[in-house]
Amino acid sequence: MRAGSKAFYRWTKPVVFVLCLLPLVVLLLQAFAVAGLSLGANPVEKLLHELGRWGLKFLLITLTVTPLRRWTGWVWLISFRRMLGLFAFFYTVLHFLCYAILDQGLNMAAIVEDIIKRPYITLGMLGLLLLIPLAVTSTKGMMRRLGRRWQSLHRLIYVIAIAGVWHFYWQEKLDTLDAGVYAAILAFLLAVRIYYARFAPGKKQRRTGR
């Protein structure tokens, strides 16, 4: 089975889809105490934290696809980028719903007050709101309809990732080691993006048509 062939995608895409769902499956098993699993003493906080963490992880994984494709020559990786990006949106939405329903009991006044008064929640909401147009326009039809504007719009993923890491860092308060690791990964990915956009070999020739 050749990488990039129809048979390759027919087998690998369902596998990647299931792997992306595994974190949610584990969390559900913990939530319902299946096989002795547990979310611990504060299940809502644990669930809220883990859903947000996975949303951020999938954002970073999505950003890794393009440089990894450049370094390895595995063009087929691009075919998984949309799915990974949608899973980032999926887990981020679940993170917000967990906060709004389980933590705040759908008390809209309290939610709005939190968004206004707590900067890390403000950043989190900003990231979620910016993810919505990216998810809505992720289809091939929208790519054709928007043309060059599609690429400009989807560069918002960098802003979203920065907001996500910052949100996570502020939320952690004292134990910021994990947030620091995510920040370092994002900084590296952004540096790679800047390098290929401005300084990569052949960039000048492409700009001048040579």
Protein backbone atom coordinates (compact mmCIF):
# COMPACT_ATOMS: atom_id res chain seq x y z
CA MET A 1 0.00 0.00 0.00
CA ARG A 2 1.72 3.16 -1.24
CA ALA A 3 1.68 6.28 0.97
CA GLY A 4 -0.61 8.87 -0.59
CA SER A 5 -2.70 6.34 -2.52
CA LYS A 6 -6.46 6.08 -2.11
CA ALA A 7 -6.06 2.76 -0.31
CA PHE A 8 -3.58 4.38 2.08
CA TYR A 9 -6.04 7.13 3.05
CA ARG A 10 -8.93 4.67 3.22
CA TRP A 11 -7.11 2.73 5.95
CA THR A 12 -5.14 5.41 7.77
CA LYS A 13 -7.75 8.16 8.13
CA PRO A 14 -10.12 6.03 10.25
CA VAL A 15 -7.16 4.98 12.38
CA VAL A 16 -6.08 8.59 12.95
CA PHE A 17 -9.71 9.53 13.70
CA VAL A 18 -9.99 6.83 16.37
CA LEU A 19 -6.62 7.79 17.88
CA CYS A 20 -7.79 11.41 18.12
CA LEU A 21 -10.91 10.27 20.00
CA LEU A 22 -8.99 8.13 22.50
CA PRO A 23 -8.35 10.98 25.00
CA LEU A 24 -12.10 11.63 25.17
CA VAL A 25 -12.83 7.92 25.58
CA VAL A 26 -10.36 7.70 28.47
CA LEU A 27 -11.91 10.76 30.13
CA LEU A 28 -15.40 9.27 29.77
CA LEU A 29 -14.23 5.99 31.28
CA GLN A 30 -12.75 7.95 34.18
CA ALA A 31 -15.91 10.05 34.56
CA PHE A 32 -18.10 6.94 34.86
CA ALA A 33 -15.55 5.07 37.02
CA VAL A 34 -15.20 2.20 34.53
CA ALA A 35 -12.62 -0.48 35.42
CA GLY A 36 -11.59 1.41 38.54
CA LEU A 37 -10.67 4.57 36.62
CA SER A 38 -11.39 7.93 38.23
CA LEU A 39 -11.12 11.67 37.68
CA GLY A 40 -9.95 12.11 41.27
CA ALA A 41 -11.22 14.22 44.13
CA ASN A 42 -12.28 17.14 41.91
CA PRO A 43 -13.72 15.52 38.75
CA VAL A 44 -15.05 18.71 37.12
CA GLU A 45 -11.72 20.50 37.48
CA LYS A 46 -9.84 17.47 36.17
CA LEU A 47 -12.19 17.09 33.19
CA LEU A 48 -12.03 20.81 32.43
CA HIS A 49 -8.24 20.82 32.62
CA GLU A 50 -7.71 17.73 30.47
CA LEU A 51 -10.12 18.81 27.72
CA GLY A 52 -8.35 22.16 27.49
CA ARG A 53 -4.96 20.48 27.47
CA TRP A 54 -5.98 18.24 24.58
CA GLY A 55 -7.39 21.16 22.64
CA LEU A 56 -4.01 22.87 22.95
CA LYS A 57 -2.11 19.70 22.07
CA PHE A 58 -4.09 19.25 18.87
CA LEU A 59 -3.47 22.88 17.95
CA LEU A 60 0.28 22.34 18.27
CA ILE A 61 0.11 19.02 16.41
CA THR A 62 -1.77 20.76 13.58
CA LEU A 63 0.94 23.43 13.40
CA THR A 64 3.59 20.69 13.25
CA VAL A 65 2.20 19.11 10.08
CA THR A 66 3.59 21.64 7.58
CA PRO A 67 7.19 21.80 8.87
CA LEU A 68 7.23 18.01 9.27
CA ARG A 69 6.10 17.67 5.67
CA ARG A 70 8.90 20.03 4.57
CA TRP A 71 11.57 18.12 6.49
CA THR A 72 10.48 14.60 5.53
CA GLY A 73 8.98 15.14 2.08
CA TRP A 74 5.86 13.27 3.22
CA VAL A 75 3.31 15.28 1.26
CA TRP A 76 0.51 12.96 2.44
CA LEU A 77 0.75 14.47 5.94
CA ILE A 78 -1.16 17.54 4.70
CA SER A 79 -4.24 15.36 4.20
CA PHE A 80 -4.50 14.89 7.97
CA ARG A 81 -4.10 18.57 8.88
CA ARG A 82 -7.80 19.42 8.51
CA MET A 83 -8.85 16.51 10.72
CA LEU A 84 -6.31 17.45 13.40
CA GLY A 85 -7.41 21.08 13.31
CA LEU A 86 -11.06 20.09 13.69
CA PHE A 87 -10.17 17.93 16.68
CA ALA A 88 -8.43 20.94 18.22
CA PHE A 89 -11.72 22.81 17.78
CA PHE A 90 -13.71 19.82 19.10
CA TYR A 91 -11.74 19.50 22.34
CA THR A 92 -11.71 23.27 22.84
CA VAL A 93 -15.50 23.40 22.49
CA LEU A 94 -15.82 20.52 24.99
CA HIS A 95 -13.50 22.42 27.32
CA PHE A 96 -15.77 25.47 27.14
CA LEU A 97 -18.95 23.40 27.54
CA CYS A 98 -17.48 21.69 30.59
CA TYR A 99 -16.74 25.12 32.07
CA ALA A 100 -20.13 26.61 31.14
CA ILE A 101 -22.32 23.63 32.12
CA LEU A 102 -20.53 21.63 34.82
CA ASP A 103 -18.49 24.39 36.46
CA GLN A 104 -20.84 27.38 36.10
CA GLY A 105 -24.21 25.61 35.75
CA LEU A 106 -25.03 27.70 32.67
CA ASN A 107 -25.15 30.82 34.82
CA MET A 108 -24.66 33.26 31.95
CA ALA A 109 -24.19 36.26 34.24
CA ALA A 110 -21.34 34.48 36.06
CA ILE A 111 -19.80 33.33 32.77
CA VAL A 112 -19.84 36.84 31.29
CA GLU A 113 -18.40 38.25 34.51
CA ASP A 114 -15.61 35.65 34.42
CA ILE A 115 -14.81 36.48 30.80
CA ILE A 116 -14.60 40.20 31.59
CA LYS A 117 -12.77 40.06 34.92
CA ARG A 118 -10.44 37.06 34.57
CA PRO A 119 -7.83 37.63 31.84
CA TYR A 120 -6.98 33.96 31.30
CA ILE A 121 -10.67 33.21 30.61
CA THR A 122 -10.80 36.24 28.29
CA LEU A 123 -7.91 34.77 26.31
CA GLY A 124 -9.53 31.36 26.25
CA MET A 125 -12.76 32.79 24.87
CA LEU A 126 -10.82 34.77 22.27
CA GLY A 127 -9.12 31.58 21.10
CA LEU A 128 -12.43 29.71 20.91
CA LEU A 129 -14.17 32.51 18.97
CA LEU A 130 -11.30 32.71 16.49
CA LEU A 131 -11.40 28.93 16.00
CA ILE A 132 -15.02 29.03 14.87
CA PRO A 133 -14.44 30.66 11.43
CA LEU A 134 -11.49 28.34 10.84
CA ALA A 135 -13.64 25.28 11.54
CA VAL A 136 -16.51 26.60 9.39
CA THR A 137 -14.21 27.34 6.42
CA SER A 138 -12.13 24.15 6.65
CA THR A 139 -13.87 22.40 3.74
CA LYS A 140 -12.52 22.23 0.19
CA GLY A 141 -15.58 24.10 -1.03
CA MET A 142 -14.83 27.02 1.28
CA MET A 143 -11.19 26.97 0.19
CA ARG A 144 -12.27 27.40 -3.42
CA ARG A 145 -14.86 30.04 -2.55
CA LEU A 146 -12.50 32.19 -0.48
CA GLY A 147 -9.44 31.77 -2.69
CA ARG A 148 -6.44 33.66 -1.36
CA ARG A 149 -8.50 35.00 1.53
CA TRP A 150 -8.73 31.45 2.90
CA GLN A 151 -4.99 31.30 3.58
CA SER A 152 -5.03 34.74 5.21
CA LEU A 153 -7.94 33.73 7.43
CA HIS A 154 -6.33 30.47 8.50
CA ARG A 155 -3.18 32.24 9.60
CA LEU A 156 -5.28 33.09 12.65
CA ILE A 157 -4.24 29.68 13.96
CA TYR A 158 -0.99 31.30 15.11
CA VAL A 159 -2.88 33.92 17.12
CA ILE A 160 -5.13 31.18 18.51
CA ALA A 161 -2.18 29.03 19.54
CA ILE A 162 -0.52 31.98 21.31
CA ALA A 163 -3.79 32.77 23.12
CA GLY A 164 -4.16 29.10 24.05
CA VAL A 165 -0.68 28.77 25.52
CA TRP A 166 -1.04 32.07 27.36
CA HIS A 167 -4.44 31.00 28.69
CA PHE A 168 -2.94 27.73 29.93
CA TYR A 169 0.04 29.51 31.52
CA TRP A 170 -2.12 31.97 33.47
CA GLN A 171 -4.47 29.19 34.53
CA GLU A 172 -1.67 27.09 35.98
CA LYS A 173 -0.66 29.84 38.42
CA LEU A 174 2.19 28.14 40.34
CA ASP A 175 2.96 24.91 38.45
CA THR A 176 3.82 26.34 35.04
CA LEU A 177 6.25 23.65 33.83
CA ASP A 178 3.83 22.10 31.31
CA ALA A 179 2.79 25.53 30.07
CA GLY A 180 6.46 26.39 29.61
CA VAL A 181 6.95 23.25 27.49
CA TYR A 182 3.96 24.16 25.30
CA ALA A 183 5.28 27.72 24.98
CA ALA A 184 8.71 26.42 23.90
CA ILE A 185 7.14 24.13 21.29
CA LEU A 186 5.01 26.97 19.94
CA ALA A 187 7.97 29.36 19.86
CA PHE A 188 9.94 26.80 17.84
CA LEU A 189 7.06 26.26 15.40
CA LEU A 190 6.61 30.01 14.93
CA ALA A 191 10.36 30.45 14.38
CA VAL A 192 10.27 27.75 11.71
CA ARG A 193 7.31 29.47 10.05
CA ILE A 194 9.12 32.83 10.04
CA TYR A 195 12.27 31.23 8.64
CA TYR A 196 10.47 29.62 5.70
CA ALA A 197 8.42 32.77 5.07
CA ARG A 198 11.41 35.13 5.00
CA PHE A 199 14.78 33.43 4.88
CA ALA A 200 14.38 29.99 3.32
CA PRO A 201 16.67 29.23 0.34
CA GLY A 202 14.92 30.13 -2.91
CA LYS A 203 12.55 32.60 -1.25
CA LYS A 204 14.10 35.59 -3.01
CA GLN A 205 14.00 33.86 -6.35
CA ARG A 206 10.32 33.00 -5.93
CA ARG A 207 9.50 36.59 -5.01
CA THR A 208 11.33 38.01 -8.04
CA GLY A 209 10.17 35.28 -10.40
CA ARG A 210 13.65 33.83 -10.89
